[in-house]
Amino acid sequence: MAADALIEVENLSVLFPLYHGSSRSLKKMVVAAASGRLAQDQQQRVVVRALSNIDLRLSSGDRLGLVGSNGAGKTTLLRVLAGIYEPVLGRLHVKGSLNALLDPNLGMNVELSGRENILLRGLYNGLSKPALARLEQDVAEFAELSDFLDLPVRIYSAGMVVRLGFALATAIKPQILLMDEWFLAGDAAFLDKARQRLEEMVRGADILVLSSHQTEIVRSWCSRVLWLDQGKIVADGPANDVLNQYLGHVPGTPIPALV
């Protein structure tokens, strides 16, 4: 029997250094300076505070939605929880198997065949030989690629790549599910079974963390909502309460929790 899933975040901060070699970096610096997110690290580099002093605890049964404007820190927080970004300050503890649906094609090698990509994904997740065989059969049947499964992914059509990526991303059922937007993939004929597969995965996860601009999706699937702005927590509480506060805020006006 699997142990209970758990996520603990204590006083977590993420800083990104700015390099001055391009107009893009300059633009980021101007935006960061205007928002008060510029700082210096121990090496005296100019950095942007992507996340500041985040505290969060989630246990089995929790369904957390992340809301906020573009650049608020939602995707950064998901990537920290997934282990893609390392926090500069603070503590992160994650217990339980984890799947991050941040990009369904993430980690796919286009020079390999679809079948080889399936096996690599299974090996990466530490699956046994019998489990690998089940994974291969499941993805092959769901993606409906027939003989293309043994050809290099680089010759697939865009729709075929989407179907393989979605099937792979949703094949392994985790205890902790991280999602950057509620994604569905494929043509009209594929969408219905994709929707059913995704919903089954969400229902089966012990912990869900969902970042989305679609507030009705968040309201439907999440019992708790974290509102982020400029890398800081504005509000954290029952979904309806925080969503109503977030939707009632007029962009460009001060947010009381940050004043």
Protein backbone atom coordinates (compact mmCIF):
# COMPACT_ATOMS: atom_id res chain seq x y z
CA MET A 1 0.00 0.00 0.00
CA ALA A 2 1.40 3.38 -1.04
CA ALA A 3 2.22 5.90 1.66
CA ASP A 4 0.12 9.04 1.90
CA ALA A 5 1.20 11.78 -0.49
CA LEU A 6 2.57 15.03 0.95
CA ILE A 7 3.94 18.38 -0.23
CA GLU A 8 5.58 20.75 2.25
CA VAL A 9 6.94 24.14 1.21
CA GLU A 10 8.51 26.40 3.84
CA ASN A 11 9.68 29.99 3.23
CA LEU A 12 10.61 29.10 -0.35
CA SER A 13 12.11 31.65 -2.74
CA VAL A 14 13.32 31.35 -6.33
CA LEU A 15 15.69 33.90 -7.89
CA PHE A 16 16.63 34.11 -11.56
CA PRO A 17 19.84 36.00 -12.48
CA LEU A 18 19.59 38.61 -15.23
CA TYR A 19 22.28 38.80 -17.87
CA HIS A 20 22.67 42.05 -19.76
CA GLY A 21 23.70 40.75 -23.15
CA SER A 22 20.39 41.16 -24.98
CA SER A 23 17.42 43.46 -25.41
CA ARG A 24 15.26 40.68 -23.98
CA SER A 25 17.23 40.75 -20.73
CA LEU A 26 16.95 44.54 -20.65
CA LYS A 27 13.19 44.32 -21.09
CA LYS A 28 12.97 41.80 -18.23
CA MET A 29 15.02 44.13 -16.04
CA VAL A 30 12.75 47.10 -16.74
CA VAL A 31 9.62 45.06 -15.98
CA ALA A 32 11.16 43.57 -12.84
CA ALA A 33 12.35 46.95 -11.59
CA ALA A 34 8.91 48.46 -12.09
CA SER A 35 7.30 45.68 -10.09
CA GLY A 36 9.84 45.81 -7.26
CA ARG A 37 11.12 42.28 -7.93
CA LEU A 38 14.78 43.13 -8.55
CA ALA A 39 17.34 42.10 -5.94
CA GLN A 40 20.98 41.03 -5.59
CA ASP A 41 22.19 37.56 -4.70
CA GLN A 42 25.30 36.60 -2.72
CA GLN A 43 27.43 36.86 -5.89
CA GLN A 44 26.23 40.46 -6.35
CA ARG A 45 24.32 39.51 -9.50
CA VAL A 46 21.08 41.27 -10.36
CA VAL A 47 18.27 38.77 -9.95
CA VAL A 48 14.50 38.65 -10.33
CA ARG A 49 12.49 37.30 -7.43
CA ALA A 50 10.30 34.77 -9.25
CA LEU A 51 8.88 33.47 -5.94
CA SER A 52 9.19 35.02 -2.49
CA ASN A 53 8.59 33.39 0.89
CA ILE A 54 6.09 30.74 -0.22
CA ASP A 55 4.58 28.56 2.53
CA LEU A 56 2.34 25.67 1.54
CA ARG A 57 1.30 22.26 2.84
CA LEU A 58 -0.75 19.72 0.91
CA SER A 59 -1.75 16.21 1.92
CA SER A 60 -3.85 13.41 0.43
CA GLY A 61 -7.24 14.65 -0.72
CA ASP A 62 -6.14 18.24 -1.38
CA ARG A 63 -7.12 19.88 -4.67
CA LEU A 64 -5.24 23.18 -5.09
CA GLY A 65 -5.79 25.71 -7.86
CA LEU A 66 -3.22 28.39 -8.72
CA VAL A 67 -4.49 31.67 -10.14
CA GLY A 68 -2.87 34.98 -11.01
CA SER A 69 -1.90 37.11 -13.97
CA ASN A 70 0.84 36.20 -16.43
CA GLY A 71 4.19 36.32 -14.65
CA ALA A 72 2.65 35.87 -11.21
CA GLY A 73 4.78 32.79 -10.48
CA LYS A 74 2.28 29.96 -11.10
CA THR A 75 4.37 27.99 -13.59
CA THR A 76 7.55 28.63 -11.59
CA LEU A 77 5.91 27.15 -8.49
CA LEU A 78 4.78 24.09 -10.46
CA ARG A 79 8.30 23.60 -11.80
CA VAL A 80 9.76 23.85 -8.32
CA LEU A 81 7.30 21.24 -7.05
CA ALA A 82 8.20 19.03 -10.02
CA GLY A 83 11.93 19.31 -9.28
CA ILE A 84 12.73 21.20 -12.51
CA TYR A 85 13.75 24.37 -10.66
CA GLU A 86 15.66 24.32 -7.39
CA PRO A 87 14.68 26.80 -4.68
CA VAL A 88 17.39 29.27 -3.73
CA LEU A 89 16.01 29.69 -0.21
CA GLY A 90 13.63 27.65 1.91
CA ARG A 91 12.64 24.02 2.11
CA LEU A 92 10.71 21.68 -0.19
CA HIS A 93 9.63 18.16 0.75
CA VAL A 94 7.60 15.98 -1.61
CA LYS A 95 6.47 12.45 -0.74
CA GLY A 96 4.74 10.24 -3.28
CA SER A 97 4.95 9.46 -6.99
CA LEU A 98 4.59 12.58 -9.12
CA ASN A 99 3.58 13.44 -12.67
CA ALA A 100 3.89 16.97 -14.05
CA LEU A 101 1.71 17.76 -17.06
CA LEU A 102 3.55 20.94 -17.97
CA ASP A 103 4.17 20.04 -21.61
CA PRO A 104 2.81 16.74 -22.98
CA ASN A 105 5.76 16.46 -25.40
CA LEU A 106 8.39 17.12 -22.73
CA GLY A 107 11.19 14.56 -22.83
CA MET A 108 10.21 13.05 -26.16
CA ASN A 109 13.11 12.17 -28.48
CA VAL A 110 12.00 12.79 -32.07
CA GLU A 111 14.82 10.66 -33.49
CA LEU A 112 13.44 7.57 -31.76
CA SER A 113 10.31 5.68 -32.66
CA GLY A 114 7.07 6.10 -30.77
CA ARG A 115 7.54 2.67 -29.21
CA GLU A 116 11.07 3.50 -28.07
CA ASN A 117 9.81 6.73 -26.49
CA ILE A 118 7.20 4.74 -24.60
CA LEU A 119 9.83 2.34 -23.25
CA LEU A 120 12.16 5.19 -22.28
CA ARG A 121 9.37 6.93 -20.37
CA GLY A 122 8.59 3.70 -18.54
CA LEU A 123 12.24 3.08 -17.67
CA TYR A 124 12.58 6.65 -16.42
CA ASN A 125 9.64 5.99 -14.08
CA GLY A 126 11.25 2.78 -12.82
CA LEU A 127 8.64 0.39 -14.19
CA SER A 128 9.17 -3.36 -14.11
CA LYS A 129 9.16 -5.44 -17.31
CA PRO A 130 5.49 -6.46 -16.89
CA ALA A 131 4.54 -2.83 -16.19
CA LEU A 132 6.53 -1.69 -19.25
CA ALA A 133 4.58 -4.13 -21.41
CA ARG A 134 1.27 -2.83 -20.02
CA LEU A 135 2.38 0.78 -20.59
CA GLU A 136 3.34 0.02 -24.20
CA GLN A 137 0.00 -1.64 -24.90
CA ASP A 138 -1.98 1.14 -23.23
CA VAL A 139 -0.27 4.00 -25.08
CA ALA A 140 -0.30 2.16 -28.41
CA GLU A 141 -4.04 1.48 -28.18
CA PHE A 142 -4.90 4.97 -26.98
CA ALA A 143 -2.74 6.94 -29.45
CA GLU A 144 -4.00 4.89 -32.43
CA LEU A 145 -0.77 5.24 -34.42
CA SER A 146 -0.76 1.64 -35.81
CA ASP A 147 2.42 1.00 -37.87
CA PHE A 148 3.71 4.54 -37.28
CA LEU A 149 4.52 3.51 -33.71
CA ASP A 150 7.71 1.87 -35.01
CA LEU A 151 8.80 4.86 -37.11
CA PRO A 152 10.78 7.93 -35.94
CA VAL A 153 8.65 10.58 -34.27
CA ARG A 154 10.23 13.27 -36.49
CA ILE A 155 8.17 12.04 -39.47
CA TYR A 156 4.86 12.17 -37.55
CA SER A 157 2.24 14.75 -38.38
CA ALA A 158 1.54 17.39 -35.73
CA GLY A 159 -1.66 15.56 -34.76
CA MET A 160 0.16 12.26 -34.34
CA VAL A 161 2.79 13.85 -32.10
CA VAL A 162 0.01 15.38 -29.99
CA ARG A 163 -1.76 12.03 -29.60
CA LEU A 164 1.43 10.21 -28.62
CA GLY A 165 2.46 12.96 -26.21
CA PHE A 166 -0.95 13.06 -24.54
CA ALA A 167 -1.16 9.27 -24.27
CA LEU A 168 2.31 9.11 -22.71
CA ALA A 169 1.69 12.01 -20.34
CA THR A 170 -1.51 10.46 -19.00
CA ALA A 171 -0.53 6.78 -19.00
CA ILE A 172 1.25 6.62 -15.64
CA LYS A 173 -1.11 7.38 -12.74
CA PRO A 174 0.67 9.37 -10.00
CA GLN A 175 -0.15 10.15 -6.38
CA ILE A 176 0.66 13.82 -7.02
CA LEU A 177 -0.53 15.44 -10.25
CA LEU A 178 0.77 18.87 -11.31
CA MET A 179 -0.96 20.54 -14.26
CA ASP A 180 -0.13 23.77 -16.09
CA GLU A 181 -3.50 24.50 -17.68
CA TRP A 182 -6.25 21.96 -18.26
CA PHE A 183 -4.96 20.48 -21.48
CA LEU A 184 -6.81 18.35 -23.97
CA ALA A 185 -5.38 17.27 -27.27
CA GLY A 186 -6.28 15.98 -30.70
CA ASP A 187 -9.06 16.29 -33.24
CA ALA A 188 -12.78 16.08 -32.50
CA ALA A 189 -12.83 12.28 -32.66
CA PHE A 190 -9.94 12.06 -30.17
CA LEU A 191 -11.14 14.74 -27.75
CA ASP A 192 -13.92 12.78 -26.07
CA LYS A 193 -11.74 9.88 -25.00
CA ALA A 194 -8.92 12.31 -24.12
CA ARG A 195 -11.29 14.20 -21.82
CA GLN A 196 -12.41 10.98 -20.13
CA ARG A 197 -8.82 9.78 -19.67
CA LEU A 198 -7.69 13.10 -18.18
CA GLU A 199 -10.63 13.30 -15.78
CA GLU A 200 -9.99 9.74 -14.57
CA MET A 201 -6.36 10.65 -13.93
CA VAL A 202 -7.32 13.79 -11.99
CA ARG A 203 -9.86 11.92 -9.87
CA GLY A 204 -7.33 9.18 -9.12
CA ALA A 205 -4.57 11.51 -7.88
CA ASP A 206 -4.13 11.91 -4.12
CA ILE A 207 -3.03 15.55 -4.57
CA LEU A 208 -3.87 17.86 -7.48
CA VAL A 209 -2.13 21.19 -8.15
CA LEU A 210 -3.68 22.93 -11.16
CA SER A 211 -2.61 26.28 -12.60
CA SER A 212 -5.14 27.77 -14.99
CA HIS A 213 -6.55 31.02 -16.35
CA GLN A 214 -9.87 29.19 -16.80
CA THR A 215 -11.42 30.03 -13.45
CA GLU A 216 -14.46 27.82 -14.03
CA ILE A 217 -12.17 24.81 -14.47
CA VAL A 218 -10.45 25.73 -11.21
CA ARG A 219 -13.82 26.16 -9.48
CA SER A 220 -14.99 22.77 -10.75
CA TRP A 221 -11.94 20.71 -9.78
CA CYS A 222 -10.29 22.52 -6.86
CA SER A 223 -11.42 22.89 -3.25
CA ARG A 224 -8.64 25.34 -2.35
CA VAL A 225 -7.08 28.21 -4.32
CA LEU A 226 -3.76 30.03 -4.02
CA TRP A 227 -3.68 33.51 -5.60
CA LEU A 228 -0.19 34.59 -6.62
CA ASP A 229 0.95 38.05 -7.66
CA GLN A 230 4.54 39.13 -8.36
CA GLY A 231 5.79 35.87 -6.90
CA LYS A 232 3.99 36.31 -3.57
CA ILE A 233 0.90 34.75 -2.05
CA VAL A 234 -2.02 37.19 -2.03
CA ALA A 235 -4.67 34.81 -0.71
CA ASP A 236 -4.97 31.13 0.18
CA GLY A 237 -8.29 29.58 1.13
CA PRO A 238 -11.55 27.96 0.00
CA ALA A 239 -11.86 28.00 -3.80
CA ASN A 240 -15.01 30.09 -4.09
CA ASP A 241 -13.83 32.71 -1.60
CA VAL A 242 -10.42 33.26 -3.22
CA LEU A 243 -11.76 33.09 -6.79
CA ASN A 244 -14.41 35.70 -6.01
CA GLN A 245 -11.74 37.94 -4.50
CA TYR A 246 -9.44 37.39 -7.50
CA LEU A 247 -12.17 37.98 -10.09
CA GLY A 248 -13.34 41.10 -8.26
CA HIS A 249 -9.90 42.70 -8.34
CA VAL A 250 -9.44 45.44 -10.93
CA PRO A 251 -6.13 44.99 -12.81
CA GLY A 252 -3.72 47.85 -12.18
CA THR A 253 -5.11 48.73 -8.76
CA PRO A 254 -3.28 47.86 -5.52
CA ILE A 255 -3.92 44.48 -3.97
CA PRO A 256 -4.51 45.00 -0.22
CA ALA A 257 -2.51 41.95 0.82
CA LEU A 258 0.58 43.33 -0.93
CA VAL A 259 0.37 46.96 0.23
